[in-house]
Amino acid sequence: MSKTKPSVKIVNVVATASSDRGFDLDTICKAFPTAEYRPKVFPGLCLRLKKPKTATLIFANGKMVCTGARSASQAKMAIGAVVSALKGKGIPILATPTVHIQNIVASVGLGGEIDLERVVYDLKHTIYEPEQFPGAIYRMDNPRVVFLIFSNGNLVCVGAKMAKDVSRAVDKLKSKIEGKGAISYGDMPHKYRKLEKAR
């Protein structure tokens, strides 16, 4: 088994928060010339920040959804900055909204080629339909996340609410794949790894 540590990069954190009252989106749109608001197309207004580079959707019922952050702390910082900006323009927000992390998306590299047919055969809760999508979809129960698994050794992990759950899920899946002899590192093909394991 490889001792190479998987490369894990968080590419998006989705966070939500709710104001203690609703928003007048027309007023916000007038106060922020860069705001994106097309109510006939989408009911939310979008405010974008450069630092951290995020987009926050604001809805008339007081809910906010922040996307694009690379960490939970960045997401909380972004929502805090949006709230401060709204207050600065006279938009009434009395209580500081509590931020909830809803989804962490991470890209992962295992550093080897994966035998997807073997993975699908040995892992439960896995779907692989190569005619429709080149990757296998694996649902892990604990932690509760979903993986997209590709033959080149790349993974996408979605559904985690804490960064530590991403790492735990990746390590767990890597161990399962290696334990089934479904990954090859370097120039050694899968079939030779299987023979080597049988000796």
C-alpha atoms as a PDB file:
ATOM      1  CA  MET A   1       0.000   0.000   0.000  1.00  0.00           C
ATOM      2  CA  SER A   2       1.139   3.500  -0.748  1.00  0.00           C
ATOM      3  CA  LYS A   3       2.280   5.732   2.072  1.00  0.00           C
ATOM      4  CA  THR A   4       1.644   8.760  -0.116  1.00  0.00           C
ATOM      5  CA  LYS A   5      -0.725  11.139   1.562  1.00  0.00           C
ATOM      6  CA  PRO A   6      -3.684  12.140  -0.631  1.00  0.00           C
ATOM      7  CA  SER A   7      -3.738  15.747  -1.803  1.00  0.00           C
ATOM      8  CA  VAL A   8      -6.932  17.381  -0.543  1.00  0.00           C
ATOM      9  CA  LYS A   9      -8.021  20.854  -1.607  1.00  0.00           C
ATOM     10  CA  ILE A  10     -11.230  22.510  -0.459  1.00  0.00           C
ATOM     11  CA  VAL A  11     -12.636  24.315  -3.493  1.00  0.00           C
ATOM     12  CA  ASN A  12     -15.981  25.564  -2.193  1.00  0.00           C
ATOM     13  CA  VAL A  13     -17.742  26.046   1.114  1.00  0.00           C
ATOM     14  CA  VAL A  14     -21.471  26.765   1.128  1.00  0.00           C
ATOM     15  CA  ALA A  15     -22.762  28.552   4.208  1.00  0.00           C
ATOM     16  CA  THR A  16     -26.138  29.951   5.205  1.00  0.00           C
ATOM     17  CA  ALA A  17     -27.327  32.593   7.666  1.00  0.00           C
ATOM     18  CA  SER A  18     -30.620  34.305   8.459  1.00  0.00           C
ATOM     19  CA  SER A  19     -31.329  37.899   9.400  1.00  0.00           C
ATOM     20  CA  ASP A  20     -33.735  38.716  12.227  1.00  0.00           C
ATOM     21  CA  ARG A  21     -35.993  40.348   9.640  1.00  0.00           C
ATOM     22  CA  GLY A  22     -36.677  40.308   5.905  1.00  0.00           C
ATOM     23  CA  PHE A  23     -34.871  42.392   3.298  1.00  0.00           C
ATOM     24  CA  ASP A  24     -36.151  44.929   0.802  1.00  0.00           C
ATOM     25  CA  LEU A  25     -34.118  43.745  -2.169  1.00  0.00           C
ATOM     26  CA  ASP A  26     -34.989  46.758  -4.308  1.00  0.00           C
ATOM     27  CA  THR A  27     -33.518  49.035  -1.625  1.00  0.00           C
ATOM     28  CA  ILE A  28     -30.357  46.916  -1.418  1.00  0.00           C
ATOM     29  CA  CYS A  29     -30.020  46.941  -5.197  1.00  0.00           C
ATOM     30  CA  LYS A  30     -30.165  50.741  -5.248  1.00  0.00           C
ATOM     31  CA  ALA A  31     -27.632  50.972  -2.395  1.00  0.00           C
ATOM     32  CA  PHE A  32     -25.127  48.653  -4.108  1.00  0.00           C
ATOM     33  CA  PRO A  33     -24.615  49.439  -7.825  1.00  0.00           C
ATOM     34  CA  THR A  34     -22.625  46.226  -8.316  1.00  0.00           C
ATOM     35  CA  ALA A  35     -25.390  44.019  -6.928  1.00  0.00           C
ATOM     36  CA  GLU A  36     -26.915  41.503  -9.340  1.00  0.00           C
ATOM     37  CA  TYR A  37     -30.696  41.391  -9.108  1.00  0.00           C
ATOM     38  CA  ARG A  38     -33.106  40.143 -11.749  1.00  0.00           C
ATOM     39  CA  PRO A  39     -36.281  39.152  -9.894  1.00  0.00           C
ATOM     40  CA  LYS A  40     -37.992  37.859 -13.046  1.00  0.00           C
ATOM     41  CA  VAL A  41     -35.153  35.352 -13.465  1.00  0.00           C
ATOM     42  CA  PHE A  42     -34.157  34.544  -9.865  1.00  0.00           C
ATOM     43  CA  PRO A  43     -35.698  35.649  -6.545  1.00  0.00           C
ATOM     44  CA  GLY A  44     -32.390  36.405  -4.819  1.00  0.00           C
ATOM     45  CA  LEU A  45     -29.966  39.309  -5.014  1.00  0.00           C
ATOM     46  CA  CYS A  46     -26.246  38.562  -5.357  1.00  0.00           C
ATOM     47  CA  LEU A  47     -23.464  40.550  -3.694  1.00  0.00           C
ATOM     48  CA  ARG A  48     -19.896  39.623  -4.645  1.00  0.00           C
ATOM     49  CA  LEU A  49     -16.812  40.246  -2.532  1.00  0.00           C
ATOM     50  CA  LYS A  50     -13.225  40.370  -3.778  1.00  0.00           C
ATOM     51  CA  LYS A  51     -11.724  39.465  -0.389  1.00  0.00           C
ATOM     52  CA  PRO A  52     -12.560  36.742   0.340  1.00  0.00           C
ATOM     53  CA  LYS A  53     -13.665  36.005  -3.199  1.00  0.00           C
ATOM     54  CA  THR A  54     -17.253  34.920  -2.611  1.00  0.00           C
ATOM     55  CA  ALA A  55     -20.816  35.443  -3.758  1.00  0.00           C
ATOM     56  CA  THR A  56     -23.634  35.876  -1.252  1.00  0.00           C
ATOM     57  CA  LEU A  57     -27.243  35.426  -2.272  1.00  0.00           C
ATOM     58  CA  ILE A  58     -29.698  37.528  -0.268  1.00  0.00           C
ATOM     59  CA  PHE A  59     -33.405  36.726  -0.197  1.00  0.00           C
ATOM     60  CA  ALA A  60     -36.413  38.805   0.781  1.00  0.00           C
ATOM     61  CA  ASN A  61     -37.203  36.479   3.713  1.00  0.00           C
ATOM     62  CA  GLY A  62     -33.873  37.348   5.358  1.00  0.00           C
ATOM     63  CA  LYS A  63     -31.943  34.253   4.339  1.00  0.00           C
ATOM     64  CA  MET A  64     -28.403  34.466   2.955  1.00  0.00           C
ATOM     65  CA  VAL A  65     -26.356  31.827   1.127  1.00  0.00           C
ATOM     66  CA  CYS A  66     -22.619  32.287   0.659  1.00  0.00           C
ATOM     67  CA  THR A  67     -20.645  30.299  -1.925  1.00  0.00           C
ATOM     68  CA  GLY A  68     -17.058  30.341  -3.151  1.00  0.00           C
ATOM     69  CA  ALA A  69     -15.217  30.389   0.175  1.00  0.00           C
ATOM     70  CA  ARG A  70     -12.246  28.033   0.565  1.00  0.00           C
ATOM     71  CA  SER A  71     -12.754  27.441   4.293  1.00  0.00           C
ATOM     72  CA  ALA A  72     -15.402  27.719   6.983  1.00  0.00           C
ATOM     73  CA  SER A  73     -13.645  30.740   8.458  1.00  0.00           C
ATOM     74  CA  GLN A  74     -13.664  32.476   5.051  1.00  0.00           C
ATOM     75  CA  ALA A  75     -17.390  31.796   4.670  1.00  0.00           C
ATOM     76  CA  LYS A  76     -18.106  33.267   8.096  1.00  0.00           C
ATOM     77  CA  MET A  77     -15.880  36.242   7.297  1.00  0.00           C
ATOM     78  CA  ALA A  78     -17.707  36.834   4.008  1.00  0.00           C
ATOM     79  CA  ILE A  79     -21.163  36.780   5.558  1.00  0.00           C
ATOM     80  CA  GLY A  80     -19.926  39.054   8.325  1.00  0.00           C
ATOM     81  CA  ALA A  81     -18.590  41.493   5.718  1.00  0.00           C
ATOM     82  CA  VAL A  82     -21.902  41.457   3.829  1.00  0.00           C
ATOM     83  CA  VAL A  83     -23.858  42.112   7.018  1.00  0.00           C
ATOM     84  CA  SER A  84     -21.532  45.007   7.896  1.00  0.00           C
ATOM     85  CA  ALA A  85     -21.918  46.460   4.398  1.00  0.00           C
ATOM     86  CA  LEU A  86     -25.702  46.238   4.617  1.00  0.00           C
ATOM     87  CA  LYS A  87     -25.727  47.931   8.004  1.00  0.00           C
ATOM     88  CA  GLY A  88     -23.424  50.613   6.620  1.00  0.00           C
ATOM     89  CA  LYS A  89     -26.064  51.438   4.007  1.00  0.00           C
ATOM     90  CA  GLY A  90     -28.800  51.700   6.629  1.00  0.00           C
ATOM     91  CA  ILE A  91     -30.310  48.243   6.037  1.00  0.00           C
ATOM     92  CA  PRO A  92     -31.789  47.205   9.422  1.00  0.00           C
ATOM     93  CA  ILE A  93     -30.173  44.091  10.924  1.00  0.00           C
ATOM     94  CA  LEU A  94     -30.353  43.994  14.712  1.00  0.00           C
ATOM     95  CA  ALA A  95     -28.929  40.603  15.695  1.00  0.00           C
ATOM     96  CA  THR A  96     -25.721  39.151  14.271  1.00  0.00           C
ATOM     97  CA  PRO A  97     -26.771  36.222  12.041  1.00  0.00           C
ATOM     98  CA  THR A  98     -25.488  32.780  13.003  1.00  0.00           C
ATOM     99  CA  VAL A  99     -23.570  31.116  10.173  1.00  0.00           C
ATOM    100  CA  HIS A 100     -24.124  27.439   9.388  1.00  0.00           C
ATOM    101  CA  ILE A 101     -21.833  25.448   7.098  1.00  0.00           C
ATOM    102  CA  GLN A 102     -24.030  23.404   4.759  1.00  0.00           C
ATOM    103  CA  ASN A 103     -21.611  21.796   2.325  1.00  0.00           C
ATOM    104  CA  ILE A 104     -17.878  21.483   1.753  1.00  0.00           C
ATOM    105  CA  VAL A 105     -16.664  20.505  -1.715  1.00  0.00           C
ATOM    106  CA  ALA A 106     -13.125  19.172  -2.022  1.00  0.00           C
ATOM    107  CA  SER A 107     -10.990  17.912  -4.884  1.00  0.00           C
ATOM    108  CA  VAL A 108      -8.692  15.006  -4.053  1.00  0.00           C
ATOM    109  CA  GLY A 109      -5.766  13.337  -5.768  1.00  0.00           C
ATOM    110  CA  LEU A 110      -4.783   9.818  -4.688  1.00  0.00           C
ATOM    111  CA  GLY A 111      -1.714   9.655  -6.931  1.00  0.00           C
ATOM    112  CA  GLY A 112      -2.563   6.402  -8.693  1.00  0.00           C
ATOM    113  CA  GLU A 113      -4.886   4.892 -11.297  1.00  0.00           C
ATOM    114  CA  ILE A 114      -8.134   3.351 -10.076  1.00  0.00           C
ATOM    115  CA  ASP A 115      -9.860   0.242 -11.411  1.00  0.00           C
ATOM    116  CA  LEU A 116     -13.421   1.552 -11.333  1.00  0.00           C
ATOM    117  CA  GLU A 117     -15.021  -1.789 -12.182  1.00  0.00           C
ATOM    118  CA  ARG A 118     -13.303  -3.366  -9.197  1.00  0.00           C
ATOM    119  CA  VAL A 119     -14.377  -0.486  -6.956  1.00  0.00           C
ATOM    120  CA  VAL A 120     -18.009  -0.845  -8.036  1.00  0.00           C
ATOM    121  CA  TYR A 121     -17.883  -4.617  -7.536  1.00  0.00           C
ATOM    122  CA  ASP A 122     -16.498  -4.398  -4.005  1.00  0.00           C
ATOM    123  CA  LEU A 123     -18.071  -1.232  -2.564  1.00  0.00           C
ATOM    124  CA  LYS A 124     -21.714  -0.972  -1.603  1.00  0.00           C
ATOM    125  CA  HIS A 125     -23.768   2.154  -2.413  1.00  0.00           C
ATOM    126  CA  THR A 126     -21.803   2.717  -5.634  1.00  0.00           C
ATOM    127  CA  ILE A 127     -23.159   3.594  -9.075  1.00  0.00           C
ATOM    128  CA  TYR A 128     -21.082   3.385 -12.251  1.00  0.00           C
ATOM    129  CA  GLU A 129     -22.624   3.999 -15.673  1.00  0.00           C
ATOM    130  CA  PRO A 130     -19.681   4.882 -17.966  1.00  0.00           C
ATOM    131  CA  GLU A 131     -21.967   5.469 -20.951  1.00  0.00           C
ATOM    132  CA  GLN A 132     -23.517   8.422 -19.115  1.00  0.00           C
ATOM    133  CA  PHE A 133     -20.730   9.640 -16.775  1.00  0.00           C
ATOM    134  CA  PRO A 134     -17.021   8.742 -16.639  1.00  0.00           C
ATOM    135  CA  GLY A 135     -16.838   8.482 -12.846  1.00  0.00           C
ATOM    136  CA  ALA A 136     -18.282   6.215 -10.172  1.00  0.00           C
ATOM    137  CA  ILE A 137     -20.586   7.702  -7.542  1.00  0.00           C
ATOM    138  CA  TYR A 138     -20.048   6.372  -4.022  1.00  0.00           C
ATOM    139  CA  ARG A 139     -22.183   7.288  -1.016  1.00  0.00           C
ATOM    140  CA  MET A 140     -20.414   6.921   2.315  1.00  0.00           C
ATOM    141  CA  ASP A 141     -22.518   6.592   5.462  1.00  0.00           C
ATOM    142  CA  ASN A 142     -19.980   7.681   8.073  1.00  0.00           C
ATOM    143  CA  PRO A 143     -19.120  10.459   7.595  1.00  0.00           C
ATOM    144  CA  ARG A 144     -22.118  11.139   5.361  1.00  0.00           C
ATOM    145  CA  VAL A 145     -20.544  12.329   2.100  1.00  0.00           C
ATOM    146  CA  VAL A 146     -20.686  11.528  -1.604  1.00  0.00           C
ATOM    147  CA  PHE A 147     -17.607  10.824  -3.722  1.00  0.00           C
ATOM    148  CA  LEU A 148     -17.116  11.046  -7.449  1.00  0.00           C
ATOM    149  CA  ILE A 149     -14.327   8.583  -8.241  1.00  0.00           C
ATOM    150  CA  PHE A 150     -12.392   8.802 -11.515  1.00  0.00           C
ATOM    151  CA  SER A 151     -10.021   6.268 -13.035  1.00  0.00           C
ATOM    152  CA  ASN A 152      -7.089   8.740 -13.042  1.00  0.00           C
ATOM    153  CA  GLY A 153      -7.091   8.749  -9.237  1.00  0.00           C
ATOM    154  CA  ASN A 154      -8.936  12.014  -8.799  1.00  0.00           C
ATOM    155  CA  LEU A 155     -11.919  12.297  -6.476  1.00  0.00           C
ATOM    156  CA  VAL A 156     -14.496  14.934  -5.668  1.00  0.00           C
ATOM    157  CA  CYS A 157     -15.974  14.873  -2.180  1.00  0.00           C
ATOM    158  CA  VAL A 158     -19.232  16.696  -1.434  1.00  0.00           C
ATOM    159  CA  GLY A 159     -21.597  16.869   1.505  1.00  0.00           C
ATOM    160  CA  ALA A 160     -19.249  17.285   4.462  1.00  0.00           C
ATOM    161  CA  LYS A 161     -19.950  20.041   6.972  1.00  0.00           C
ATOM    162  CA  MET A 162     -16.528  20.027   8.630  1.00  0.00           C
ATOM    163  CA  ALA A 163     -13.062  19.924   7.063  1.00  0.00           C
ATOM    164  CA  LYS A 164     -12.004  17.110   9.401  1.00  0.00           C
ATOM    165  CA  ASP A 165     -14.817  14.959   7.986  1.00  0.00           C
ATOM    166  CA  VAL A 166     -13.409  15.446   4.486  1.00  0.00           C
ATOM    167  CA  SER A 167      -9.993  14.169   5.599  1.00  0.00           C
ATOM    168  CA  ARG A 168     -11.530  11.267   7.495  1.00  0.00           C
ATOM    169  CA  ALA A 169     -13.702  10.269   4.545  1.00  0.00           C
ATOM    170  CA  VAL A 170     -10.795  10.461   2.080  1.00  0.00           C
ATOM    171  CA  ASP A 171      -8.536   8.320   4.289  1.00  0.00           C
ATOM    172  CA  LYS A 172     -11.341   5.810   4.764  1.00  0.00           C
ATOM    173  CA  LEU A 173     -12.068   5.530   1.037  1.00  0.00           C
ATOM    174  CA  LYS A 174      -8.364   5.320   0.154  1.00  0.00           C
ATOM    175  CA  SER A 175      -7.961   2.408   2.574  1.00  0.00           C
ATOM    176  CA  LYS A 176     -10.968   0.640   1.079  1.00  0.00           C
ATOM    177  CA  ILE A 177      -9.706   1.062  -2.493  1.00  0.00           C
ATOM    178  CA  GLU A 178      -6.197  -0.079  -1.589  1.00  0.00           C
ATOM    179  CA  GLY A 179      -7.550  -2.990   0.424  1.00  0.00           C
ATOM    180  CA  LYS A 180      -9.427  -4.244  -2.633  1.00  0.00           C
ATOM    181  CA  GLY A 181      -6.345  -3.917  -4.850  1.00  0.00           C
ATOM    182  CA  ALA A 182      -8.223  -1.427  -7.017  1.00  0.00           C
ATOM    183  CA  ILE A 183      -5.492   1.200  -7.323  1.00  0.00           C
ATOM    184  CA  SER A 184      -2.070   1.071  -8.947  1.00  0.00           C
ATOM    185  CA  TYR A 185       0.797   3.417  -8.203  1.00  0.00           C
ATOM    186  CA  GLY A 186       3.614   4.209 -10.588  1.00  0.00           C
ATOM    187  CA  ASP A 187       3.954   1.921 -13.629  1.00  0.00           C
ATOM    188  CA  MET A 188       2.595  -1.240 -12.003  1.00  0.00           C
ATOM    189  CA  PRO A 189      -0.713  -2.314 -13.656  1.00  0.00           C
ATOM    190  CA  HIS A 190      -3.675  -3.412 -11.547  1.00  0.00           C
ATOM    191  CA  LYS A 191      -3.417  -7.079 -12.539  1.00  0.00           C
ATOM    192  CA  TYR A 192       0.192  -7.285 -11.300  1.00  0.00           C
ATOM    193  CA  ARG A 193      -0.768  -5.647  -8.029  1.00  0.00           C
ATOM    194  CA  LYS A 194      -3.413  -8.339  -7.614  1.00  0.00           C
ATOM    195  CA  LEU A 195      -0.888 -11.095  -8.324  1.00  0.00           C
ATOM    196  CA  GLU A 196       1.611  -9.505  -5.951  1.00  0.00           C
ATOM    197  CA  LYS A 197      -1.035  -9.359  -3.226  1.00  0.00           C
ATOM    198  CA  ALA A 198      -1.927 -13.046  -3.735  1.00  0.00           C
ATOM    199  CA  ARG A 199       1.662 -14.231  -3.129  1.00  0.00           C
END
